[in-house]
């Protein structure tokens, strides 16, 4: 029984060593997967950060474009207003000129009527 016990002990020791080797291989594989997962996570984080930065730049560019458009619109508006103010001033000048002409005409008529009244 000693031989059988010794053989069984050797078999058991060999089996334990085999399981330890399998366990070690599995631990190595698990560690490699962990490292790969960490690397993938790091890459994903970097890509996300790059995407966020791209989106921020796009937003800034969009805001700048809108500010430029608003500035152009403001300049066009101010130009239109200045033209309207010039036209208004010209119309006011013409209106004053017409009023002056009508007043002169009315004054001439009044003087003519006064002359007619005196001559009567």
PDB file of N, CA and C in Angstrom:
ATOM      1  N   UNK A   1       0.818  -1.166   0.000  1.00  0.00           N
ATOM      2  CA  UNK A   1       0.000   0.000   0.000  1.00  0.00           C
ATOM      3  C   UNK A   1       0.872   1.243   0.000  1.00  0.00           C
ATOM      4  N   UNK A   2       2.037   1.049   0.437  1.00  0.00           N
ATOM      5  CA  UNK A   2       2.976   2.128   0.439  1.00  0.00           C
ATOM      6  C   UNK A   2       3.276   2.595  -0.966  1.00  0.00           C
ATOM      7  N   UNK A   3       3.472   1.623  -1.839  1.00  0.00           N
ATOM      8  CA  UNK A   3       3.725   1.978  -3.230  1.00  0.00           C
ATOM      9  C   UNK A   3       2.526   2.676  -3.833  1.00  0.00           C
ATOM     10  N   UNK A   4       1.391   2.104  -3.532  1.00  0.00           N
ATOM     11  CA  UNK A   4       0.172   2.708  -4.057  1.00  0.00           C
ATOM     12  C   UNK A   4      -0.001   4.108  -3.479  1.00  0.00           C
ATOM     13  N   UNK A   5       0.289   4.270  -2.240  1.00  0.00           N
ATOM     14  CA  UNK A   5       0.178   5.563  -1.594  1.00  0.00           C
ATOM     15  C   UNK A   5       1.183   6.546  -2.163  1.00  0.00           C
ATOM     16  N   UNK A   6       2.390   6.059  -2.399  1.00  0.00           N
ATOM     17  CA  UNK A   6       3.420   6.911  -2.958  1.00  0.00           C
ATOM     18  C   UNK A   6       3.066   7.287  -4.375  1.00  0.00           C
ATOM     19  N   UNK A   7       2.552   6.334  -5.178  1.00  0.00           N
ATOM     20  CA  UNK A   7       2.135   6.618  -6.554  1.00  0.00           C
ATOM     21  C   UNK A   7       0.978   7.601  -6.582  1.00  0.00           C
ATOM     22  N   UNK A   8       0.038   7.408  -5.680  1.00  0.00           N
ATOM     23  CA  UNK A   8      -1.115   8.288  -5.614  1.00  0.00           C
ATOM     24  C   UNK A   8      -0.666   9.678  -5.185  1.00  0.00           C
ATOM     25  N   UNK A   9       0.306   9.714  -4.254  1.00  0.00           N
ATOM     26  CA  UNK A   9       0.829  10.996  -3.802  1.00  0.00           C
ATOM     27  C   UNK A   9       1.541  11.719  -4.943  1.00  0.00           C
ATOM     28  N   UNK A  10       2.302  10.957  -5.732  1.00  0.00           N
ATOM     29  CA  UNK A  10       2.973  11.557  -6.890  1.00  0.00           C
ATOM     30  C   UNK A  10       1.948  12.047  -7.895  1.00  0.00           C
ATOM     31  N   UNK A  11       0.945  11.251  -8.138  1.00  0.00           N
ATOM     32  CA  UNK A  11      -0.113  11.653  -9.077  1.00  0.00           C
ATOM     33  C   UNK A  11      -0.812  12.921  -8.581  1.00  0.00           C
ATOM     34  N   UNK A  12      -1.081  12.936  -7.279  1.00  0.00           N
ATOM     35  CA  UNK A  12      -1.754  14.086  -6.694  1.00  0.00           C
ATOM     36  C   UNK A  12      -0.849  15.327  -6.762  1.00  0.00           C
ATOM     37  N   UNK A  13       0.437  15.141  -6.483  1.00  0.00           N
ATOM     38  CA  UNK A  13       1.386  16.245  -6.557  1.00  0.00           C
ATOM     39  C   UNK A  13       1.482  16.746  -7.993  1.00  0.00           C
ATOM     40  N   UNK A  14       1.538  15.839  -8.936  1.00  0.00           N
ATOM     41  CA  UNK A  14       1.598  16.230 -10.350  1.00  0.00           C
ATOM     42  C   UNK A  14       0.337  16.975 -10.746  1.00  0.00           C
ATOM     43  N   UNK A  15      -0.790  16.465 -10.287  1.00  0.00           N
ATOM     44  CA  UNK A  15      -2.064  17.125 -10.596  1.00  0.00           C
ATOM     45  C   UNK A  15      -2.115  18.533  -9.978  1.00  0.00           C
ATOM     46  N   UNK A  16      -1.616  18.678  -8.743  1.00  0.00           N
ATOM     47  CA  UNK A  16      -1.598  19.987  -8.069  1.00  0.00           C
ATOM     48  C   UNK A  16      -0.698  20.934  -8.844  1.00  0.00           C
ATOM     49  N   UNK A  17       0.481  20.421  -9.262  1.00  0.00           N
ATOM     50  CA  UNK A  17       1.401  21.268 -10.020  1.00  0.00           C
ATOM     51  C   UNK A  17       0.761  21.687 -11.354  1.00  0.00           C
ATOM     52  N   UNK A  18       0.091  20.756 -11.968  1.00  0.00           N
ATOM     53  CA  UNK A  18      -0.594  21.051 -13.242  1.00  0.00           C
ATOM     54  C   UNK A  18      -1.663  22.117 -13.040  1.00  0.00           C
ATOM     55  N   UNK A  19      -2.419  21.984 -11.969  1.00  0.00           N
ATOM     56  CA  UNK A  19      -3.463  22.977 -11.674  1.00  0.00           C
ATOM     57  C   UNK A  19      -2.838  24.335 -11.333  1.00  0.00           C
ATOM     58  N   UNK A  20      -1.692  24.319 -10.626  1.00  0.00           N
ATOM     59  CA  UNK A  20      -1.002  25.561 -10.303  1.00  0.00           C
ATOM     60  C   UNK A  20      -0.516  26.243 -11.582  1.00  0.00           C
ATOM     61  N   UNK A  21      -0.003  25.444 -12.519  1.00  0.00           N
ATOM     62  CA  UNK A  21       0.445  26.000 -13.805  1.00  0.00           C
ATOM     63  C   UNK A  21      -0.748  26.587 -14.556  1.00  0.00           C
ATOM     64  N   UNK A  22      -1.861  25.828 -14.600  1.00  0.00           N
ATOM     65  CA  UNK A  22      -3.078  26.344 -15.255  1.00  0.00           C
ATOM     66  C   UNK A  22      -3.549  27.637 -14.586  1.00  0.00           C
ATOM     67  N   UNK A  23      -3.527  27.642 -13.261  1.00  0.00           N
ATOM     68  CA  UNK A  23      -3.937  28.817 -12.504  1.00  0.00           C
ATOM     69  C   UNK A  23      -3.015  29.990 -12.820  1.00  0.00           C
ATOM     70  N   UNK A  24      -1.721  29.742 -12.875  1.00  0.00           N
ATOM     71  CA  UNK A  24      -0.756  30.787 -13.193  1.00  0.00           C
ATOM     72  C   UNK A  24      -0.991  31.318 -14.605  1.00  0.00           C
ATOM     73  N   UNK A  25      -1.242  30.414 -15.555  1.00  0.00           N
ATOM     74  CA  UNK A  25      -1.535  30.837 -16.931  1.00  0.00           C
ATOM     75  C   UNK A  25      -2.810  31.672 -16.987  1.00  0.00           C
ATOM     76  N   UNK A  26      -3.825  31.252 -16.264  1.00  0.00           N
ATOM     77  CA  UNK A  26      -5.079  32.000 -16.231  1.00  0.00           C
ATOM     78  C   UNK A  26      -4.882  33.373 -15.592  1.00  0.00           C
ATOM     79  N   UNK A  27      -4.069  33.428 -14.516  1.00  0.00           N
ATOM     80  CA  UNK A  27      -3.788  34.713 -13.879  1.00  0.00           C
ATOM     81  C   UNK A  27      -3.032  35.640 -14.832  1.00  0.00           C
ATOM     82  N   UNK A  28      -2.065  35.066 -15.582  1.00  0.00           N
ATOM     83  CA  UNK A  28      -1.329  35.864 -16.569  1.00  0.00           C
ATOM     84  C   UNK A  28      -2.273  36.399 -17.651  1.00  0.00           C
ATOM     85  N   UNK A  29      -3.144  35.513 -18.123  1.00  0.00           N
ATOM     86  CA  UNK A  29      -4.116  35.933 -19.152  1.00  0.00           C
ATOM     87  C   UNK A  29      -5.042  37.008 -18.604  1.00  0.00           C
ATOM     88  N   UNK A  30      -5.480  36.837 -17.372  1.00  0.00           N
ATOM     89  CA  UNK A  30      -6.352  37.824 -16.742  1.00  0.00           C
ATOM     90  C   UNK A  30      -5.620  39.159 -16.591  1.00  0.00           C
ATOM     91  N   UNK A  31      -4.350  39.106 -16.189  1.00  0.00           N
ATOM     92  CA  UNK A  31      -3.555  40.332 -16.043  1.00  0.00           C
ATOM     93  C   UNK A  31      -3.391  41.013 -17.393  1.00  0.00           C
ATOM     94  N   UNK A  32      -3.150  40.238 -18.455  1.00  0.00           N
ATOM     95  CA  UNK A  32      -3.022  40.809 -19.799  1.00  0.00           C
ATOM     96  C   UNK A  32      -4.324  41.463 -20.237  1.00  0.00           C
ATOM     97  N   UNK A  33      -5.430  40.800 -19.955  1.00  0.00           N
ATOM     98  CA  UNK A  33      -6.733  41.369 -20.301  1.00  0.00           C
ATOM     99  C   UNK A  33      -6.983  42.658 -19.517  1.00  0.00           C
ATOM    100  N   UNK A  34      -6.557  42.660 -18.255  1.00  0.00           N
ATOM    101  CA  UNK A  34      -6.713  43.852 -17.424  1.00  0.00           C
ATOM    102  C   UNK A  34      -5.901  45.003 -18.005  1.00  0.00           C
ATOM    103  N   UNK A  35      -4.672  44.719 -18.385  1.00  0.00           N
ATOM    104  CA  UNK A  35      -3.810  45.750 -18.972  1.00  0.00           C
ATOM    105  C   UNK A  35      -4.413  46.245 -20.285  1.00  0.00           C
ATOM    106  N   UNK A  36      -4.886  45.300 -21.111  1.00  0.00           N
ATOM    107  CA  UNK A  36      -5.507  45.683 -22.385  1.00  0.00           C
ATOM    108  C   UNK A  36      -6.749  46.527 -22.148  1.00  0.00           C
ATOM    109  N   UNK A  37      -7.542  46.158 -21.180  1.00  0.00           N
ATOM    110  CA  UNK A  37      -8.749  46.917 -20.857  1.00  0.00           C
ATOM    111  C   UNK A  37      -8.385  48.320 -20.380  1.00  0.00           C
ATOM    112  N   UNK A  38      -7.370  48.421 -19.538  1.00  0.00           N
ATOM    113  CA  UNK A  38      -6.925  49.741 -19.069  1.00  0.00           C
ATOM    114  C   UNK A  38      -6.426  50.587 -20.236  1.00  0.00           C
ATOM    115  N   UNK A  39      -5.680  49.964 -21.162  1.00  0.00           N
ATOM    116  CA  UNK A  39      -5.192  50.691 -22.329  1.00  0.00           C
ATOM    117  C   UNK A  39      -6.354  51.148 -23.201  1.00  0.00           C
ATOM    118  N   UNK A  40      -7.329  50.257 -23.385  1.00  0.00           N
ATOM    119  CA  UNK A  40      -8.507  50.627 -24.180  1.00  0.00           C
ATOM    120  C   UNK A  40      -9.263  51.768 -23.501  1.00  0.00           C
ATOM    121  N   UNK A  41      -9.433  51.658 -22.190  1.00  0.00           N
ATOM    122  CA  UNK A  41     -10.120  52.727 -21.447  1.00  0.00           C
ATOM    123  C   UNK A  41      -9.378  54.055 -21.596  1.00  0.00           C
ATOM    124  N   UNK A  42      -8.046  53.994 -21.531  1.00  0.00           N
ATOM    125  CA  UNK A  42      -7.230  55.199 -21.682  1.00  0.00           C
ATOM    126  C   UNK A  42      -7.413  55.787 -23.078  1.00  0.00           C
ATOM    127  N   UNK A  43      -7.390  54.922 -24.098  1.00  0.00           N
ATOM    128  CA  UNK A  43      -7.596  55.383 -25.472  1.00  0.00           C
ATOM    129  C   UNK A  43      -8.984  55.994 -25.649  1.00  0.00           C
ATOM    130  N   UNK A  44      -9.979  55.350 -25.079  1.00  0.00           N
ATOM    131  CA  UNK A  44     -11.354  55.855 -25.172  1.00  0.00           C
ATOM    132  C   UNK A  44     -11.454  57.221 -24.498  1.00  0.00           C
ATOM    133  N   UNK A  45     -10.804  57.359 -23.342  1.00  0.00           N
ATOM    134  CA  UNK A  45     -10.828  58.634 -22.631  1.00  0.00           C
ATOM    135  C   UNK A  45     -10.148  59.713 -23.465  1.00  0.00           C
ATOM    136  N   UNK A  46      -9.005  59.373 -24.064  1.00  0.00           N
ATOM    137  CA  UNK A  46      -8.296  60.342 -24.911  1.00  0.00           C
ATOM    138  C   UNK A  46      -9.147  60.746 -26.109  1.00  0.00           C
ATOM    139  N   UNK A  47      -9.787  59.751 -26.736  1.00  0.00           N
ATOM    140  CA  UNK A  47     -10.656  60.054 -27.883  1.00  0.00           C
ATOM    141  C   UNK A  47     -11.825  60.930 -27.468  1.00  0.00           C
ATOM    142  N   UNK A  48     -12.412  60.622 -26.334  1.00  0.00           N
ATOM    143  CA  UNK A  48     -13.521  61.442 -25.833  1.00  0.00           C
ATOM    144  C   UNK A  48     -13.064  62.875 -25.584  1.00  0.00           C
ATOM    145  N   UNK A  49     -11.888  63.017 -24.988  1.00  0.00           N
ATOM    146  CA  UNK A  49     -11.355  64.362 -24.739  1.00  0.00           C
ATOM    147  C   UNK A  49     -11.114  65.098 -26.047  1.00  0.00           C
ATOM    148  N   UNK A  50     -10.575  64.387 -27.052  1.00  0.00           N
ATOM    149  CA  UNK A  50     -10.355  65.008 -28.353  1.00  0.00           C
ATOM    150  C   UNK A  50     -11.684  65.437 -28.983  1.00  0.00           C
ATOM    151  N   UNK A  51     -12.691  64.560 -28.883  1.00  0.00           N
ATOM    152  CA  UNK A  51     -14.008  64.897 -29.424  1.00  0.00           C
ATOM    153  C   UNK A  51     -14.606  66.105 -28.706  1.00  0.00           C
ATOM    154  N   UNK A  52     -14.440  66.139 -27.401  1.00  0.00           N
ATOM    155  CA  UNK A  52     -14.959  67.268 -26.624  1.00  0.00           C
ATOM    156  C   UNK A  52     -14.265  68.550 -27.067  1.00  0.00           C
ATOM    157  N   UNK A  53     -12.945  68.491 -27.232  1.00  0.00           N
ATOM    158  CA  UNK A  53     -12.206  69.670 -27.682  1.00  0.00           C
ATOM    159  C   UNK A  53     -12.645  70.100 -29.078  1.00  0.00           C
ATOM    160  N   UNK A  54     -12.860  69.125 -29.973  1.00  0.00           N
ATOM    161  CA  UNK A  54     -13.348  69.448 -31.311  1.00  0.00           C
ATOM    162  C   UNK A  54     -14.700  70.144 -31.242  1.00  0.00           C
ATOM    163  N   UNK A  55     -15.586  69.625 -30.420  1.00  0.00           N
ATOM    164  CA  UNK A  55     -16.917  70.221 -30.296  1.00  0.00           C
ATOM    165  C   UNK A  55     -16.817  71.630 -29.705  1.00  0.00           C
ATOM    166  N   UNK A  56     -15.922  71.801 -28.741  1.00  0.00           N
ATOM    167  CA  UNK A  56     -15.732  73.133 -28.170  1.00  0.00           C
ATOM    168  C   UNK A  56     -15.253  74.103 -29.244  1.00  0.00           C
ATOM    169  N   UNK A  57     -14.277  73.654 -30.066  1.00  0.00           N
ATOM    170  CA  UNK A  57     -13.776  74.516 -31.140  1.00  0.00           C
ATOM    171  C   UNK A  57     -14.890  74.841 -32.124  1.00  0.00           C
ATOM    172  N   UNK A  58     -15.721  73.842 -32.445  1.00  0.00           N
ATOM    173  CA  UNK A  58     -16.834  74.076 -33.371  1.00  0.00           C
ATOM    174  C   UNK A  58     -17.798  75.105 -32.791  1.00  0.00           C
ATOM    175  N   UNK A  59     -18.082  74.982 -31.508  1.00  0.00           N
ATOM    176  CA  UNK A  59     -18.994  75.934 -30.851  1.00  0.00           C
ATOM    177  C   UNK A  59     -18.394  77.335 -30.888  1.00  0.00           C
ATOM    178  N   UNK A  60     -17.096  77.438 -30.587  1.00  0.00           N
ATOM    179  CA  UNK A  60     -16.432  78.747 -30.603  1.00  0.00           C
ATOM    180  C   UNK A  60     -16.456  79.323 -32.015  1.00  0.00           C
ATOM    181  N   UNK A  61     -16.155  78.474 -33.031  1.00  0.00           N
ATOM    182  CA  UNK A  61     -16.191  78.938 -34.419  1.00  0.00           C
ATOM    183  C   UNK A  61     -17.595  79.409 -34.787  1.00  0.00           C
ATOM    184  N   UNK A  62     -18.601  78.642 -34.378  1.00  0.00           N
ATOM    185  CA  UNK A  62     -19.990  78.998 -34.668  1.00  0.00           C
ATOM    186  C   UNK A  62     -20.338  80.336 -34.017  1.00  0.00           C
ATOM    187  N   UNK A  63     -19.946  80.492 -32.747  1.00  0.00           N
ATOM    188  CA  UNK A  63     -20.222  81.748 -32.047  1.00  0.00           C
ATOM    189  C   UNK A  63     -19.515  82.911 -32.726  1.00  0.00           C
ATOM    190  N   UNK A  64     -18.270  82.692 -33.147  1.00  0.00           N
ATOM    191  CA  UNK A  64     -17.530  83.749 -33.846  1.00  0.00           C
ATOM    192  C   UNK A  64     -18.204  84.117 -35.159  1.00  0.00           C
ATOM    193  N   UNK A  65     -18.664  83.102 -35.904  1.00  0.00           N
ATOM    194  CA  UNK A  65     -19.368  83.365 -37.165  1.00  0.00           C
ATOM    195  C   UNK A  65     -20.631  84.172 -36.911  1.00  0.00           C
ATOM    196  N   UNK A  66     -21.366  83.800 -35.871  1.00  0.00           N
ATOM    197  CA  UNK A  66     -22.602  84.512 -35.554  1.00  0.00           C
ATOM    198  C   UNK A  66     -22.302  85.952 -35.135  1.00  0.00           C
ATOM    199  N   UNK A  67     -21.216  86.144 -34.385  1.00  0.00           N
ATOM    200  CA  UNK A  67     -20.838  87.501 -33.997  1.00  0.00           C
ATOM    201  C   UNK A  67     -20.443  88.316 -35.220  1.00  0.00           C
ATOM    202  N   UNK A  68     -19.730  87.675 -36.157  1.00  0.00           N
ATOM    203  CA  UNK A  68     -19.357  88.377 -37.391  1.00  0.00           C
ATOM    204  C   UNK A  68     -20.603  88.749 -38.187  1.00  0.00           C
ATOM    205  N   UNK A  69     -21.541  87.798 -38.287  1.00  0.00           N
ATOM    206  CA  UNK A  69     -22.787  88.083 -39.001  1.00  0.00           C
ATOM    207  C   UNK A  69     -23.549  89.217 -38.319  1.00  0.00           C
ATOM    208  N   UNK A  70     -23.594  89.169 -36.988  1.00  0.00           N
ATOM    209  CA  UNK A  70     -24.293  90.230 -36.238  1.00  0.00           C
ATOM    210  C   UNK A  70     -23.599  91.568 -36.467  1.00  0.00           C
ATOM    211  N   UNK A  71     -22.281  91.553 -36.502  1.00  0.00           N
ATOM    212  CA  UNK A  71     -21.529  92.789 -36.735  1.00  0.00           C
ATOM    213  C   UNK A  71     -21.817  93.332 -38.133  1.00  0.00           C
ATOM    214  N   UNK A  72     -21.838  92.440 -39.125  1.00  0.00           N
ATOM    215  CA  UNK A  72     -22.152  92.866 -40.497  1.00  0.00           C
ATOM    216  C   UNK A  72     -23.566  93.430 -40.556  1.00  0.00           C
ATOM    217  N   UNK A  73     -24.505  92.733 -39.919  1.00  0.00           N
ATOM    218  CA  UNK A  73     -25.890  93.195 -39.909  1.00  0.00           C
ATOM    219  C   UNK A  73     -25.987  94.559 -39.228  1.00  0.00           C
ATOM    220  N   UNK A  74     -25.258  94.701 -38.105  1.00  0.00           N
ATOM    221  CA  UNK A  74     -25.279  95.966 -37.376  1.00  0.00           C
ATOM    222  C   UNK A  74     -24.749  97.090 -38.268  1.00  0.00           C
ATOM    223  N   UNK A  75     -23.649  96.822 -38.994  1.00  0.00           N
ATOM    224  CA  UNK A  75     -23.085  97.842 -39.884  1.00  0.00           C
ATOM    225  C   UNK A  75     -24.064  98.185 -40.997  1.00  0.00           C
ATOM    226  N   UNK A  76     -24.707  97.154 -41.574  1.00  0.00           N
ATOM    227  CA  UNK A  76     -25.696  97.404 -42.624  1.00  0.00           C
ATOM    228  C   UNK A  76     -26.856  98.219 -42.071  1.00  0.00           C
ATOM    229  N   UNK A  77     -27.303  97.873 -40.871  1.00  0.00           N
ATOM    230  CA  UNK A  77     -28.401  98.584 -40.228  1.00  0.00           C
ATOM    231  C   UNK A  77     -28.020 100.044 -39.992  1.00  0.00           C
ATOM    232  N   UNK A  78     -26.824 100.247 -39.439  1.00  0.00           N
ATOM    233  CA  UNK A  78     -26.372 101.614 -39.162  1.00  0.00           C
ATOM    234  C   UNK A  78     -26.236 102.405 -40.459  1.00  0.00           C
ATOM    235  N   UNK A  79     -25.756 101.749 -41.520  1.00  0.00           N
ATOM    236  CA  UNK A  79     -25.633 102.420 -42.813  1.00  0.00           C
ATOM    237  C   UNK A  79     -27.019 102.811 -43.339  1.00  0.00           C
ATOM    238  N   UNK A  80     -27.964 101.866 -43.237  1.00  0.00           N
ATOM    239  CA  UNK A  80     -29.331 102.149 -43.693  1.00  0.00           C
ATOM    240  C   UNK A  80     -29.938 103.295 -42.888  1.00  0.00           C
ATOM    241  N   UNK A  81     -29.715 103.284 -41.580  1.00  0.00           N
ATOM    242  CA  UNK A  81     -30.239 104.352 -40.725  1.00  0.00           C
ATOM    243  C   UNK A  81     -29.633 105.692 -41.124  1.00  0.00           C
ATOM    244  N   UNK A  82     -28.325 105.709 -41.382  1.00  0.00           N
ATOM    245  CA  UNK A  82     -27.697 106.984 -41.757  1.00  0.00           C
ATOM    246  C   UNK A  82     -28.244 107.483 -43.095  1.00  0.00           C
ATOM    247  N   UNK A  83     -28.486 106.562 -44.028  1.00  0.00           N
ATOM    248  CA  UNK A  83     -29.079 106.962 -45.313  1.00  0.00           C
ATOM    249  C   UNK A  83     -30.482 107.530 -45.084  1.00  0.00           C
ATOM    250  N   UNK A  84     -31.262 106.858 -44.260  1.00  0.00           N
ATOM    251  CA  UNK A  84     -32.612 107.347 -43.955  1.00  0.00           C
ATOM    252  C   UNK A  84     -32.571 108.708 -43.270  1.00  0.00           C
ATOM    253  N   UNK A  85     -31.601 108.900 -42.386  1.00  0.00           N
ATOM    254  CA  UNK A  85     -31.475 110.194 -41.719  1.00  0.00           C
ATOM    255  C   UNK A  85     -31.119 111.283 -42.719  1.00  0.00           C
ATOM    256  N   UNK A  86     -30.229 110.953 -43.677  1.00  0.00           N
ATOM    257  CA  UNK A  86     -29.889 111.923 -44.717  1.00  0.00           C
ATOM    258  C   UNK A  86     -31.110 112.248 -45.579  1.00  0.00           C
ATOM    259  N   UNK A  87     -31.858 111.199 -45.949  1.00  0.00           N
ATOM    260  CA  UNK A  87     -33.067 111.411 -46.747  1.00  0.00           C
ATOM    261  C   UNK A  87     -34.086 112.243 -45.967  1.00  0.00           C
ATOM    262  N   UNK A  88     -34.203 111.969 -44.680  1.00  0.00           N
ATOM    263  CA  UNK A  88     -35.140 112.715 -43.835  1.00  0.00           C
ATOM    264  C   UNK A  88     -34.731 114.191 -43.787  1.00  0.00           C
ATOM    265  N   UNK A  89     -33.444 114.420 -43.612  1.00  0.00           N
ATOM    266  CA  UNK A  89     -32.956 115.801 -43.575  1.00  0.00           C
ATOM    267  C   UNK A  89     -33.226 116.497 -44.905  1.00  0.00           C
ATOM    268  N   UNK A  90     -33.022 115.775 -45.999  1.00  0.00           N
ATOM    269  CA  UNK A  90     -33.283 116.354 -47.329  1.00  0.00           C
ATOM    270  C   UNK A  90     -34.772 116.654 -47.499  1.00  0.00           C
ATOM    271  N   UNK A  91     -35.614 115.733 -47.056  1.00  0.00           N
ATOM    272  CA  UNK A  91     -37.066 115.950 -47.146  1.00  0.00           C
ATOM    273  C   UNK A  91     -37.481 117.144 -46.280  1.00  0.00           C
ATOM    274  N   UNK A  92     -36.896 117.244 -45.106  1.00  0.00           N
ATOM    275  CA  UNK A  92     -37.207 118.361 -44.216  1.00  0.00           C
ATOM    276  C   UNK A  92     -36.795 119.682 -44.867  1.00  0.00           C
ATOM    277  N   UNK A  93     -35.608 119.684 -45.497  1.00  0.00           N
ATOM    278  CA  UNK A  93     -35.135 120.891 -46.185  1.00  0.00           C
ATOM    279  C   UNK A  93     -36.093 121.252 -47.327  1.00  0.00           C
ATOM    280  N   UNK A  94     -36.529 120.239 -48.100  1.00  0.00           N
ATOM    281  CA  UNK A  94     -37.455 120.490 -49.210  1.00  0.00           C
ATOM    282  C   UNK A  94     -38.794 120.996 -48.689  1.00  0.00           C
ATOM    283  N   UNK A  95     -39.256 120.421 -47.573  1.00  0.00           N
ATOM    284  CA  UNK A  95     -40.514 120.850 -46.982  1.00  0.00           C
ATOM    285  C   UNK A  95     -40.413 122.313 -46.533  1.00  0.00           C
ATOM    286  N   UNK A  96     -39.309 122.665 -45.911  1.00  0.00           N
ATOM    287  CA  UNK A  96     -39.123 124.058 -45.486  1.00  0.00           C
ATOM    288  C   UNK A  96     -39.076 124.981 -46.703  1.00  0.00           C
ATOM    289  N   UNK A  97     -38.451 124.504 -47.768  1.00  0.00           N
ATOM    290  CA  UNK A  97     -38.385 125.302 -48.996  1.00  0.00           C
ATOM    291  C   UNK A  97     -39.780 125.503 -49.580  1.00  0.00           C
ATOM    292  N   UNK A  98     -40.580 124.432 -49.595  1.00  0.00           N
ATOM    293  CA  UNK A  98     -41.958 124.544 -50.088  1.00  0.00           C
ATOM    294  C   UNK A  98     -42.783 125.484 -49.211  1.00  0.00           C
ATOM    295  N   UNK A  99     -42.619 125.337 -47.888  1.00  0.00           N
ATOM    296  CA  UNK A  99     -43.346 126.222 -46.976  1.00  0.00           C
ATOM    297  C   UNK A  99     -42.969 127.680 -47.240  1.00  0.00           C
ATOM    298  N   UNK A 100     -41.694 127.902 -47.460  1.00  0.00           N
ATOM    299  CA  UNK A 100     -41.232 129.260 -47.751  1.00  0.00           C
ATOM    300  C   UNK A 100     -41.850 129.778 -49.059  1.00  0.00           C
ATOM    301  N   UNK A 101     -41.886 128.901 -50.084  1.00  0.00           N
ATOM    302  CA  UNK A 101     -42.480 129.285 -51.363  1.00  0.00           C
ATOM    303  C   UNK A 101     -43.964 129.603 -51.198  1.00  0.00           C
ATOM    304  N   UNK A 102     -44.679 128.735 -50.429  1.00  0.00           N
ATOM    305  CA  UNK A 102     -46.112 128.976 -50.208  1.00  0.00           C
ATOM    306  C   UNK A 102     -46.333 130.260 -49.427  1.00  0.00           C
ATOM    307  N   UNK A 103     -45.485 130.504 -48.427  1.00  0.00           N
ATOM    308  CA  UNK A 103     -45.625 131.740 -47.662  1.00  0.00           C
ATOM    309  C   UNK A 103     -45.386 132.960 -48.555  1.00  0.00           C
ATOM    310  N   UNK A 104     -44.384 132.867 -49.416  1.00  0.00           N
ATOM    311  CA  UNK A 104     -44.107 133.972 -50.340  1.00  0.00           C
ATOM    312  C   UNK A 104     -45.267 134.166 -51.318  1.00  0.00           C
ATOM    313  N   UNK A 105     -45.802 133.047 -51.811  1.00  0.00           N
ATOM    314  CA  UNK A 105     -46.930 133.126 -52.723  1.00  0.00           C
ATOM    315  C   UNK A 105     -48.133 133.754 -52.022  1.00  0.00           C
ATOM    316  N   UNK A 106     -48.393 133.264 -50.789  1.00  0.00           N
ATOM    317  CA  UNK A 106     -49.516 133.825 -50.033  1.00  0.00           C
ATOM    318  C   UNK A 106     -49.288 135.313 -49.746  1.00  0.00           C
ATOM    319  N   UNK A 107     -48.055 135.663 -49.400  1.00  0.00           N
ATOM    320  CA  UNK A 107     -47.735 137.066 -49.132  1.00  0.00           C
ATOM    321  C   UNK A 107     -47.948 137.905 -50.379  1.00  0.00           C
ATOM    322  N   UNK A 108     -47.549 137.354 -51.537  1.00  0.00           N
ATOM    323  CA  UNK A 108     -47.736 138.073 -52.806  1.00  0.00           C
ATOM    324  C   UNK A 108     -49.227 138.250 -53.081  1.00  0.00           C
ATOM    325  N   UNK A 109     -50.010 137.208 -52.830  1.00  0.00           N
ATOM    326  CA  UNK A 109     -51.464 137.309 -53.036  1.00  0.00           C
ATOM    327  C   UNK A 109     -52.060 138.346 -52.101  1.00  0.00           C
ATOM    328  N   UNK A 110     -51.625 138.324 -50.838  1.00  0.00           N
ATOM    329  CA  UNK A 110     -52.150 139.292 -49.863  1.00  0.00           C
ATOM    330  C   UNK A 110     -51.817 140.709 -50.319  1.00  0.00           C
ATOM    331  N   UNK A 111     -50.589 140.900 -50.736  1.00  0.00           N
ATOM    332  CA  UNK A 111     -50.187 142.231 -51.210  1.00  0.00           C
ATOM    333  C   UNK A 111     -50.992 142.628 -52.442  1.00  0.00           C
ATOM    334  N   UNK A 112     -51.258 141.671 -53.319  1.00  0.00           N
ATOM    335  CA  UNK A 112     -52.051 141.956 -54.514  1.00  0.00           C
ATOM    336  C   UNK A 112     -53.474 142.332 -54.110  1.00  0.00           C
ATOM    337  N   UNK A 113     -54.068 141.609 -53.174  1.00  0.00           N
ATOM    338  CA  UNK A 113     -55.414 141.945 -52.700  1.00  0.00           C
ATOM    339  C   UNK A 113     -55.432 143.318 -52.034  1.00  0.00           C
ATOM    340  N   UNK A 114     -54.395 143.584 -51.251  1.00  0.00           N
ATOM    341  CA  UNK A 114     -54.323 144.893 -50.590  1.00  0.00           C
ATOM    342  C   UNK A 114     -54.236 146.006 -51.632  1.00  0.00           C
ATOM    343  N   UNK A 115     -53.461 145.771 -52.692  1.00  0.00           N
ATOM    344  CA  UNK A 115     -53.351 146.765 -53.775  1.00  0.00           C
ATOM    345  C   UNK A 115     -54.706 146.965 -54.454  1.00  0.00           C
ATOM    346  N   UNK A 116     -55.404 145.866 -54.670  1.00  0.00           N
ATOM    347  CA  UNK A 116     -56.718 145.954 -55.313  1.00  0.00           C
ATOM    348  C   UNK A 116     -57.701 146.714 -54.427  1.00  0.00           C
ATOM    349  N   UNK A 117     -57.621 146.470 -53.113  1.00  0.00           N
ATOM    350  CA  UNK A 117     -58.521 147.139 -52.185  1.00  0.00           C
ATOM    351  C   UNK A 117     -58.217 148.637 -52.174  1.00  0.00           C
ATOM    352  N   UNK A 118     -56.978 149.011 -52.207  1.00  0.00           N
ATOM    353  CA  UNK A 118     -56.604 150.425 -52.203  1.00  0.00           C
ATOM    354  C   UNK A 118     -57.031 151.116 -53.500  1.00  0.00           C
ATOM    355  N   UNK A 119     -56.982 150.393 -54.556  1.00  0.00           N
ATOM    356  CA  UNK A 119     -57.316 150.974 -55.857  1.00  0.00           C
ATOM    357  C   UNK A 119     -58.813 151.030 -56.084  1.00  0.00           C
ATOM    358  N   UNK A 120     -59.554 150.459 -55.270  1.00  0.00           N
ATOM    359  CA  UNK A 120     -60.980 150.455 -55.476  1.00  0.00           C
ATOM    360  C   UNK A 120     -61.613 151.719 -55.040  1.00  0.00           C
TER     361      UNK A 120
END
